[in-house]
PDB file of N, CA and C in Angstrom:
ATOM      1  N   MET A   1     163.870  41.843  97.120  1.00  0.00           N
ATOM      2  CA  MET A   1     162.768  41.780  98.059  1.00  0.00           C
ATOM      3  C   MET A   1     162.240  40.354  98.155  1.00  0.00           C
ATOM      4  N   ILE A   2     162.089  39.692  97.033  1.00  0.00           N
ATOM      5  CA  ILE A   2     161.504  38.352  97.023  1.00  0.00           C
ATOM      6  C   ILE A   2     162.329  37.390  97.866  1.00  0.00           C
ATOM      7  N   ASP A   3     163.645  37.555  97.869  1.00  0.00           N
ATOM      8  CA  ASP A   3     164.515  36.680  98.669  1.00  0.00           C
ATOM      9  C   ASP A   3     164.221  36.788 100.158  1.00  0.00           C
ATOM     10  N   ASN A   4     163.694  37.906 100.610  1.00  0.00           N
ATOM     11  CA  ASN A   4     163.436  38.134 102.034  1.00  0.00           C
ATOM     12  C   ASN A   4     162.028  37.754 102.469  1.00  0.00           C
ATOM     13  N   MET A   5     161.217  37.259 101.554  1.00  0.00           N
ATOM     14  CA  MET A   5     159.826  36.934 101.870  1.00  0.00           C
ATOM     15  C   MET A   5     159.711  35.512 102.409  1.00  0.00           C
ATOM     16  N   TYR A   6     158.813  35.341 103.387  1.00  0.00           N
ATOM     17  CA  TYR A   6     158.489  34.009 103.890  1.00  0.00           C
ATOM     18  C   TYR A   6     157.590  33.298 102.889  1.00  0.00           C
ATOM     19  N   ASN A   7     157.583  31.980 102.951  1.00  0.00           N
ATOM     20  CA  ASN A   7     156.671  31.213 102.101  1.00  0.00           C
ATOM     21  C   ASN A   7     155.231  31.647 102.369  1.00  0.00           C
ATOM     22  N   GLY A   8     154.470  31.828 101.302  1.00  0.00           N
ATOM     23  CA  GLY A   8     153.067  32.209 101.430  1.00  0.00           C
ATOM     24  C   GLY A   8     152.830  33.688 101.666  1.00  0.00           C
ATOM     25  N   SER A   9     153.870  34.499 101.601  1.00  0.00           N
ATOM     26  CA  SER A   9     153.719  35.941 101.833  1.00  0.00           C
ATOM     27  C   SER A   9     152.977  36.612 100.685  1.00  0.00           C
ATOM     28  N   LYS A  10     152.509  37.823 100.964  1.00  0.00           N
ATOM     29  CA  LYS A  10     151.823  38.634  99.956  1.00  0.00           C
ATOM     30  C   LYS A  10     152.636  39.897  99.710  1.00  0.00           C
ATOM     31  N   ILE A  11     152.742  40.281  98.457  1.00  0.00           N
ATOM     32  CA  ILE A  11     153.479  41.485  98.070  1.00  0.00           C
ATOM     33  C   ILE A  11     152.527  42.395  97.306  1.00  0.00           C
ATOM     34  N   SER A  12     152.436  43.650  97.730  1.00  0.00           N
ATOM     35  CA  SER A  12     151.660  44.649  96.994  1.00  0.00           C
ATOM     36  C   SER A  12     152.625  45.481  96.168  1.00  0.00           C
ATOM     37  N   LEU A  13     152.365  45.576  94.899  1.00  0.00           N
ATOM     38  CA  LEU A  13     153.203  46.347  93.985  1.00  0.00           C
ATOM     39  C   LEU A  13     152.539  47.697  93.769  1.00  0.00           C
ATOM     40  N   LEU A  14     153.137  48.736  94.338  1.00  0.00           N
ATOM     41  CA  LEU A  14     152.514  50.059  94.327  1.00  0.00           C
ATOM     42  C   LEU A  14     153.357  51.038  93.532  1.00  0.00           C
ATOM     43  N   GLY A  15     153.481  50.811  92.277  1.00  0.00           N
ATOM     44  CA  GLY A  15     154.253  51.706  91.437  1.00  0.00           C
ATOM     45  C   GLY A  15     154.519  51.056  90.092  1.00  0.00           C
ATOM     46  N   ILE A  16     155.160  51.778  89.228  1.00  0.00           N
ATOM     47  CA  ILE A  16     155.475  51.284  87.897  1.00  0.00           C
ATOM     48  C   ILE A  16     156.973  51.013  87.856  1.00  0.00           C
ATOM     49  N   LEU A  17     157.330  49.803  87.477  1.00  0.00           N
ATOM     50  CA  LEU A  17     158.737  49.411  87.412  1.00  0.00           C
ATOM     51  C   LEU A  17     159.319  49.756  86.047  1.00  0.00           C
ATOM     52  N   PRO A  18     160.643  49.924  85.986  1.00  0.00           N
ATOM     53  CA  PRO A  18     161.277  50.163  84.681  1.00  0.00           C
ATOM     54  C   PRO A  18     161.048  48.981  83.738  1.00  0.00           C
ATOM     55  N   ASN A  19     161.047  49.245  82.454  1.00  0.00           N
ATOM     56  CA  ASN A  19     160.802  48.200  81.457  1.00  0.00           C
ATOM     57  C   ASN A  19     161.811  47.063  81.519  1.00  0.00           C
ATOM     58  N   ASN A  20     163.025  47.334  81.966  1.00  0.00           N
ATOM     59  CA  ASN A  20     164.060  46.302  81.980  1.00  0.00           C
ATOM     60  C   ASN A  20     164.080  45.490  83.279  1.00  0.00           C
ATOM     61  N   THR A  21     163.047  45.596  84.102  1.00  0.00           N
ATOM     62  CA  THR A  21     162.969  44.845  85.356  1.00  0.00           C
ATOM     63  C   THR A  21     162.727  43.373  85.053  1.00  0.00           C
ATOM     64  N   THR A  22     163.501  42.508  85.721  1.00  0.00           N
ATOM     65  CA  THR A  22     163.317  41.067  85.541  1.00  0.00           C
ATOM     66  C   THR A  22     162.803  40.457  86.839  1.00  0.00           C
ATOM     67  N   VAL A  23     162.113  39.343  86.702  1.00  0.00           N
ATOM     68  CA  VAL A  23     161.541  38.647  87.852  1.00  0.00           C
ATOM     69  C   VAL A  23     161.925  37.176  87.757  1.00  0.00           C
ATOM     70  N   GLU A  24     162.365  36.608  88.869  1.00  0.00           N
ATOM     71  CA  GLU A  24     162.646  35.174  88.931  1.00  0.00           C
ATOM     72  C   GLU A  24     161.348  34.463  89.294  1.00  0.00           C
ATOM     73  N   TRP A  25     160.601  34.030  88.297  1.00  0.00           N
ATOM     74  CA  TRP A  25     159.293  33.427  88.527  1.00  0.00           C
ATOM     75  C   TRP A  25     159.373  32.162  89.366  1.00  0.00           C
ATOM     76  N   ASN A  26     160.450  31.408  89.246  1.00  0.00           N
ATOM     77  CA  ASN A  26     160.585  30.193  90.062  1.00  0.00           C
ATOM     78  C   ASN A  26     160.570  30.522  91.549  1.00  0.00           C
ATOM     79  N   ASP A  27     161.199  31.634  91.939  1.00  0.00           N
ATOM     80  CA  ASP A  27     161.189  32.038  93.353  1.00  0.00           C
ATOM     81  C   ASP A  27     159.767  32.337  93.818  1.00  0.00           C
ATOM     82  N   ILE A  28     158.999  32.997  92.981  1.00  0.00           N
ATOM     83  CA  ILE A  28     157.614  33.329  93.331  1.00  0.00           C
ATOM     84  C   ILE A  28     156.775  32.060  93.421  1.00  0.00           C
ATOM     85  N   ILE A  29     156.947  31.182  92.466  1.00  0.00           N
ATOM     86  CA  ILE A  29     156.160  29.946  92.435  1.00  0.00           C
ATOM     87  C   ILE A  29     156.496  29.048  93.617  1.00  0.00           C
ATOM     88  N   PHE A  30     157.785  28.784  93.856  1.00  0.00           N
ATOM     89  CA  PHE A  30     158.163  27.832  94.900  1.00  0.00           C
ATOM     90  C   PHE A  30     157.999  28.381  96.314  1.00  0.00           C
ATOM     91  N   LYS A  31     157.927  29.696  96.461  1.00  0.00           N
ATOM     92  CA  LYS A  31     157.631  30.286  97.771  1.00  0.00           C
ATOM     93  C   LYS A  31     156.133  30.520  97.951  1.00  0.00           C
ATOM     94  N   ALA A  32     155.351  30.211  96.924  1.00  0.00           N
ATOM     95  CA  ALA A  32     153.891  30.389  96.957  1.00  0.00           C
ATOM     96  C   ALA A  32     153.521  31.828  97.313  1.00  0.00           C
ATOM     97  N   LEU A  33     154.215  32.778  96.688  1.00  0.00           N
ATOM     98  CA  LEU A  33     153.960  34.191  96.954  1.00  0.00           C
ATOM     99  C   LEU A  33     152.740  34.669  96.177  1.00  0.00           C
ATOM    100  N   THR A  34     152.050  35.638  96.751  1.00  0.00           N
ATOM    101  CA  THR A  34     150.935  36.289  96.077  1.00  0.00           C
ATOM    102  C   THR A  34     151.364  37.704  95.732  1.00  0.00           C
ATOM    103  N   LEU A  35     151.303  38.046  94.461  1.00  0.00           N
ATOM    104  CA  LEU A  35     151.615  39.402  94.011  1.00  0.00           C
ATOM    105  C   LEU A  35     150.311  40.094  93.667  1.00  0.00           C
ATOM    106  N   LYS A  36     150.164  41.313  94.149  1.00  0.00           N
ATOM    107  CA  LYS A  36     148.950  42.066  93.864  1.00  0.00           C
ATOM    108  C   LYS A  36     149.367  43.431  93.336  1.00  0.00           C
ATOM    109  N   GLY A  37     148.908  43.750  92.144  1.00  0.00           N
ATOM    110  CA  GLY A  37     149.248  45.028  91.529  1.00  0.00           C
ATOM    111  C   GLY A  37     148.288  46.118  91.951  1.00  0.00           C
ATOM    112  N   ILE A  38     148.213  47.166  91.170  1.00  0.00           N
ATOM    113  CA  ILE A  38     147.300  48.269  91.459  1.00  0.00           C
ATOM    114  C   ILE A  38     145.878  47.726  91.396  1.00  0.00           C
ATOM    115  N   TYR A  39     145.149  47.867  92.481  1.00  0.00           N
ATOM    116  CA  TYR A  39     143.829  47.247  92.523  1.00  0.00           C
ATOM    117  C   TYR A  39     142.746  48.155  93.056  1.00  0.00           C
ATOM    118  N   GLY A  40     143.072  49.358  93.450  1.00  0.00           N
ATOM    119  CA  GLY A  40     142.033  50.273  93.918  1.00  0.00           C
ATOM    120  C   GLY A  40     141.326  49.764  95.157  1.00  0.00           C
ATOM    121  N   ARG A  41     140.212  50.336  95.408  1.00  0.00           N
ATOM    122  CA  ARG A  41     139.445  49.984  96.600  1.00  0.00           C
ATOM    123  C   ARG A  41     138.754  48.637  96.401  1.00  0.00           C
ATOM    124  N   GLU A  42     138.832  47.784  97.401  1.00  0.00           N
ATOM    125  CA  GLU A  42     138.112  46.515  97.358  1.00  0.00           C
ATOM    126  C   GLU A  42     136.710  46.781  97.882  1.00  0.00           C
ATOM    127  N   MET A  43     135.859  47.223  96.971  1.00  0.00           N
ATOM    128  CA  MET A  43     134.594  47.856  97.295  1.00  0.00           C
ATOM    129  C   MET A  43     133.717  47.054  98.249  1.00  0.00           C
ATOM    130  N   TRP A  44     133.391  45.832  97.928  1.00  0.00           N
ATOM    131  CA  TRP A  44     132.416  45.113  98.748  1.00  0.00           C
ATOM    132  C   TRP A  44     132.959  44.841 100.135  1.00  0.00           C
ATOM    133  N   GLU A  45     134.209  44.450 100.229  1.00  0.00           N
ATOM    134  CA  GLU A  45     134.791  44.155 101.537  1.00  0.00           C
ATOM    135  C   GLU A  45     134.792  45.393 102.434  1.00  0.00           C
ATOM    136  N   THR A  46     135.194  46.530 101.889  1.00  0.00           N
ATOM    137  CA  THR A  46     135.245  47.741 102.711  1.00  0.00           C
ATOM    138  C   THR A  46     133.850  48.231 103.066  1.00  0.00           C
ATOM    139  N   TRP A  47     132.882  48.034 102.183  1.00  0.00           N
ATOM    140  CA  TRP A  47     131.507  48.426 102.512  1.00  0.00           C
ATOM    141  C   TRP A  47     130.987  47.613 103.687  1.00  0.00           C
ATOM    142  N   TYR A  48     131.228  46.309 103.671  1.00  0.00           N
ATOM    143  CA  TYR A  48     130.763  45.457 104.768  1.00  0.00           C
ATOM    144  C   TYR A  48     131.452  45.832 106.080  1.00  0.00           C
ATOM    145  N   GLN A  49     132.747  46.115 106.014  1.00  0.00           N
ATOM    146  CA  GLN A  49     133.469  46.522 107.219  1.00  0.00           C
ATOM    147  C   GLN A  49     132.918  47.836 107.759  1.00  0.00           C
ATOM    148  N   MET A  50     132.669  48.789 106.884  1.00  0.00           N
ATOM    149  CA  MET A  50     132.139  50.081 107.316  1.00  0.00           C
ATOM    150  C   MET A  50     130.739  49.919 107.888  1.00  0.00           C
ATOM    151  N   GLU A  51     129.930  49.082 107.274  1.00  0.00           N
ATOM    152  CA  GLU A  51     128.583  48.844 107.788  1.00  0.00           C
ATOM    153  C   GLU A  51     128.648  48.322 109.221  1.00  0.00           C
ATOM    154  N   GLN A  52     129.539  47.390 109.487  1.00  0.00           N
ATOM    155  CA  GLN A  52     129.672  46.836 110.830  1.00  0.00           C
ATOM    156  C   GLN A  52     130.172  47.888 111.821  1.00  0.00           C
ATOM    157  N   MET A  53     131.078  48.746 111.377  1.00  0.00           N
ATOM    158  CA  MET A  53     131.554  49.818 112.256  1.00  0.00           C
ATOM    159  C   MET A  53     130.407  50.753 112.624  1.00  0.00           C
ATOM    160  N   LEU A  54     129.589  51.122 111.642  1.00  0.00           N
ATOM    161  CA  LEU A  54     128.473  52.028 111.908  1.00  0.00           C
ATOM    162  C   LEU A  54     127.425  51.373 112.798  1.00  0.00           C
ATOM    163  N   ILE A  55     127.141  50.100 112.563  1.00  0.00           N
ATOM    164  CA  ILE A  55     126.183  49.378 113.402  1.00  0.00           C
ATOM    165  C   ILE A  55     126.668  49.321 114.844  1.00  0.00           C
ATOM    166  N   SER A  56     127.986  49.202 115.022  1.00  0.00           N
ATOM    167  CA  SER A  56     128.539  49.105 116.378  1.00  0.00           C
ATOM    168  C   SER A  56     128.453  50.429 117.132  1.00  0.00           C
ATOM    169  N   GLY A  57     128.141  51.516 116.403  1.00  0.00           N
ATOM    170  CA  GLY A  57     127.990  52.810 117.056  1.00  0.00           C
ATOM    171  C   GLY A  57     129.253  53.652 117.083  1.00  0.00           C
ATOM    172  N   VAL A  58     130.282  53.244 116.361  1.00  0.00           N
ATOM    173  CA  VAL A  58     131.519  54.019 116.349  1.00  0.00           C
ATOM    174  C   VAL A  58     131.232  55.427 115.807  1.00  0.00           C
ATOM    175  N   ASP A  59     131.831  56.422 116.445  1.00  0.00           N
ATOM    176  CA  ASP A  59     131.642  57.819 116.050  1.00  0.00           C
ATOM    177  C   ASP A  59     132.746  58.204 115.071  1.00  0.00           C
ATOM    178  N   LEU A  60     132.390  58.432 113.829  1.00  0.00           N
ATOM    179  CA  LEU A  60     133.371  58.765 112.800  1.00  0.00           C
ATOM    180  C   LEU A  60     133.589  60.266 112.626  1.00  0.00           C
ATOM    181  N   THR A  61     132.810  61.079 113.325  1.00  0.00           N
ATOM    182  CA  THR A  61     132.922  62.528 113.115  1.00  0.00           C
ATOM    183  C   THR A  61     134.308  63.086 113.427  1.00  0.00           C
ATOM    184  N   PRO A  62     135.083  62.536 114.376  1.00  0.00           N
ATOM    185  CA  PRO A  62     136.419  63.098 114.590  1.00  0.00           C
ATOM    186  C   PRO A  62     137.355  62.949 113.387  1.00  0.00           C
ATOM    187  N   VAL A  63     137.042  62.038 112.494  1.00  0.00           N
ATOM    188  CA  VAL A  63     137.875  61.832 111.312  1.00  0.00           C
ATOM    189  C   VAL A  63     137.685  62.974 110.317  1.00  0.00           C
ATOM    190  N   ILE A  64     136.498  63.589 110.322  1.00  0.00           N
ATOM    191  CA  ILE A  64     136.191  64.680 109.392  1.00  0.00           C
ATOM    192  C   ILE A  64     136.797  65.961 109.946  1.00  0.00           C
ATOM    193  N   THR A  65     137.791  66.482 109.232  1.00  0.00           N
ATOM    194  CA  THR A  65     138.481  67.684 109.714  1.00  0.00           C
ATOM    195  C   THR A  65     138.073  68.950 108.973  1.00  0.00           C
ATOM    196  N   HIS A  66     137.532  68.806 107.770  1.00  0.00           N
ATOM    197  CA  HIS A  66     137.184  69.981 106.972  1.00  0.00           C
ATOM    198  C   HIS A  66     135.912  69.716 106.172  1.00  0.00           C
ATOM    199  N   ARG A  67     135.119  70.777 106.000  1.00  0.00           N
ATOM    200  CA  ARG A  67     133.918  70.727 105.156  1.00  0.00           C
ATOM    201  C   ARG A  67     133.916  71.963 104.264  1.00  0.00           C
ATOM    202  N   PHE A  68     133.615  71.743 102.989  1.00  0.00           N
ATOM    203  CA  PHE A  68     133.544  72.839 102.027  1.00  0.00           C
ATOM    204  C   PHE A  68     132.309  72.646 101.158  1.00  0.00           C
ATOM    205  N   SER A  69     131.754  73.759 100.674  1.00  0.00           N
ATOM    206  CA  SER A  69     130.688  73.644  99.681  1.00  0.00           C
ATOM    207  C   SER A  69     131.342  73.239  98.362  1.00  0.00           C
ATOM    208  N   ILE A  70     130.551  72.705  97.471  1.00  0.00           N
ATOM    209  CA  ILE A  70     131.093  72.276  96.183  1.00  0.00           C
ATOM    210  C   ILE A  70     131.706  73.451  95.427  1.00  0.00           C
ATOM    211  N   ASP A  71     131.197  74.658  95.679  1.00  0.00           N
ATOM    212  CA  ASP A  71     131.752  75.845  95.030  1.00  0.00           C
ATOM    213  C   ASP A  71     133.170  76.144  95.504  1.00  0.00           C
ATOM    214  N   GLU A  72     133.527  75.616  96.671  1.00  0.00           N
ATOM    215  CA  GLU A  72     134.867  75.819  97.225  1.00  0.00           C
ATOM    216  C   GLU A  72     135.747  74.581  97.024  1.00  0.00           C
ATOM    217  N   TYR A  73     135.455  73.822  95.981  1.00  0.00           N
ATOM    218  CA  TYR A  73     136.163  72.560  95.772  1.00  0.00           C
ATOM    219  C   TYR A  73     137.679  72.741  95.717  1.00  0.00           C
ATOM    220  N   GLN A  74     138.151  73.854  95.142  1.00  0.00           N
ATOM    221  CA  GLN A  74     139.597  74.050  95.032  1.00  0.00           C
ATOM    222  C   GLN A  74     140.242  74.163  96.411  1.00  0.00           C
ATOM    223  N   LYS A  75     139.573  74.860  97.343  1.00  0.00           N
ATOM    224  CA  LYS A  75     140.082  74.930  98.719  1.00  0.00           C
ATOM    225  C   LYS A  75     140.165  73.528  99.315  1.00  0.00           C
ATOM    226  N   GLY A  76     139.127  72.728  99.074  1.00  0.00           N
ATOM    227  CA  GLY A  76     139.116  71.363  99.581  1.00  0.00           C
ATOM    228  C   GLY A  76     140.271  70.542  99.042  1.00  0.00           C
ATOM    229  N   PHE A  77     140.513  70.654  97.748  1.00  0.00           N
ATOM    230  CA  PHE A  77     141.621  69.914  97.151  1.00  0.00           C
ATOM    231  C   PHE A  77     142.961  70.418  97.665  1.00  0.00           C
ATOM    232  N   ASP A  78     143.079  71.723  97.873  1.00  0.00           N
ATOM    233  CA  ASP A  78     144.321  72.277  98.418  1.00  0.00           C
ATOM    234  C   ASP A  78     144.602  71.719  99.810  1.00  0.00           C
ATOM    235  N   VAL A  79     143.561  71.642 100.637  1.00  0.00           N
ATOM    236  CA  VAL A  79     143.717  71.088 101.986  1.00  0.00           C
ATOM    237  C   VAL A  79     144.130  69.623 101.898  1.00  0.00           C
ATOM    238  N   MET A  80     143.475  68.857 101.015  1.00  0.00           N
ATOM    239  CA  MET A  80     143.826  67.438 100.867  1.00  0.00           C
ATOM    240  C   MET A  80     145.274  67.273 100.434  1.00  0.00           C
ATOM    241  N   GLU A  81     145.699  68.073  99.470  1.00  0.00           N
ATOM    242  CA  GLU A  81     147.065  67.968  98.970  1.00  0.00           C
ATOM    243  C   GLU A  81     148.092  68.387 100.006  1.00  0.00           C
ATOM    244  N   SER A  82     147.693  69.191 100.989  1.00  0.00           N
ATOM    245  CA  SER A  82     148.636  69.628 102.023  1.00  0.00           C
ATOM    246  C   SER A  82     149.070  68.472 102.909  1.00  0.00           C
ATOM    247  N   GLY A  83     148.229  67.437 102.991  1.00  0.00           N
ATOM    248  CA  GLY A  83     148.553  66.297 103.850  1.00  0.00           C
ATOM    249  C   GLY A  83     148.333  66.573 105.323  1.00  0.00           C
ATOM    250  N   GLU A  84     147.719  67.697 105.650  1.00  0.00           N
ATOM    251  CA  GLU A  84     147.512  68.076 107.044  1.00  0.00           C
ATOM    252  C   GLU A  84     146.028  68.065 107.391  1.00  0.00           C
ATOM    253  N   CYS A  85     145.365  66.996 107.027  1.00  0.00           N
ATOM    254  CA  CYS A  85     143.933  66.910 107.285  1.00  0.00           C
ATOM    255  C   CYS A  85     143.542  65.450 107.435  1.00  0.00           C
ATOM    256  N   GLY A  86     142.325  65.271 107.870  1.00  0.00           N
ATOM    257  CA  GLY A  86     141.721  63.946 107.862  1.00  0.00           C
ATOM    258  C   GLY A  86     140.824  63.867 106.648  1.00  0.00           C
ATOM    259  N   LYS A  87     139.568  63.541 106.871  1.00  0.00           N
ATOM    260  CA  LYS A  87     138.591  63.451 105.780  1.00  0.00           C
ATOM    261  C   LYS A  87     138.085  64.841 105.433  1.00  0.00           C
ATOM    262  N   VAL A  88     138.085  65.158 104.153  1.00  0.00           N
ATOM    263  CA  VAL A  88     137.558  66.427 103.661  1.00  0.00           C
ATOM    264  C   VAL A  88     136.239  66.136 102.953  1.00  0.00           C
ATOM    265  N   ILE A  89     135.188  66.838 103.361  1.00  0.00           N
ATOM    266  CA  ILE A  89     133.856  66.643 102.797  1.00  0.00           C
ATOM    267  C   ILE A  89     133.521  67.812 101.879  1.00  0.00           C
ATOM    268  N   LEU A  90     133.080  67.499 100.650  1.00  0.00           N
ATOM    269  CA  LEU A  90     132.533  68.504  99.746  1.00  0.00           C
ATOM    270  C   LEU A  90     131.027  68.315  99.737  1.00  0.00           C
ATOM    271  N   SER A  91     130.308  69.368 100.102  1.00  0.00           N
ATOM    272  CA  SER A  91     128.854  69.283 100.239  1.00  0.00           C
ATOM    273  C   SER A  91     128.166  69.947  99.060  1.00  0.00           C
ATOM    274  N   TRP A  92     127.100  69.315  98.575  1.00  0.00           N
ATOM    275  CA  TRP A  92     126.314  69.862  97.475  1.00  0.00           C
ATOM    276  C   TRP A  92     125.222  70.799  97.974  1.00  0.00           C
ATOM    277  N   ASP A  93     125.093  70.977  99.274  1.00  0.00           N
ATOM    278  CA  ASP A  93     124.053  71.848  99.846  1.00  0.00           C
ATOM    279  C   ASP A  93     124.314  73.297  99.529  1.00  0.00           C
TER     280      ASP A  93
END
């Protein structure tokens, strides 16, 4: 993969590699590549982006496809695992 990257490219590593995996560090260094491992949500950046979307008046309700009470959490998780939904909301009401 590294051989096919342009100088200055970014690579996201989304998985666990076998222990015997080797890396040619010189290729990464001389191509000025950025490697990013498992990093989760980039909290502040996404919060600011979402704030701007909400301020702009974008309607997010079409993204919400299912709502369940917290007592029905298993149904909610089943729907999420099916992959046939958008945002699933669990409500404490």
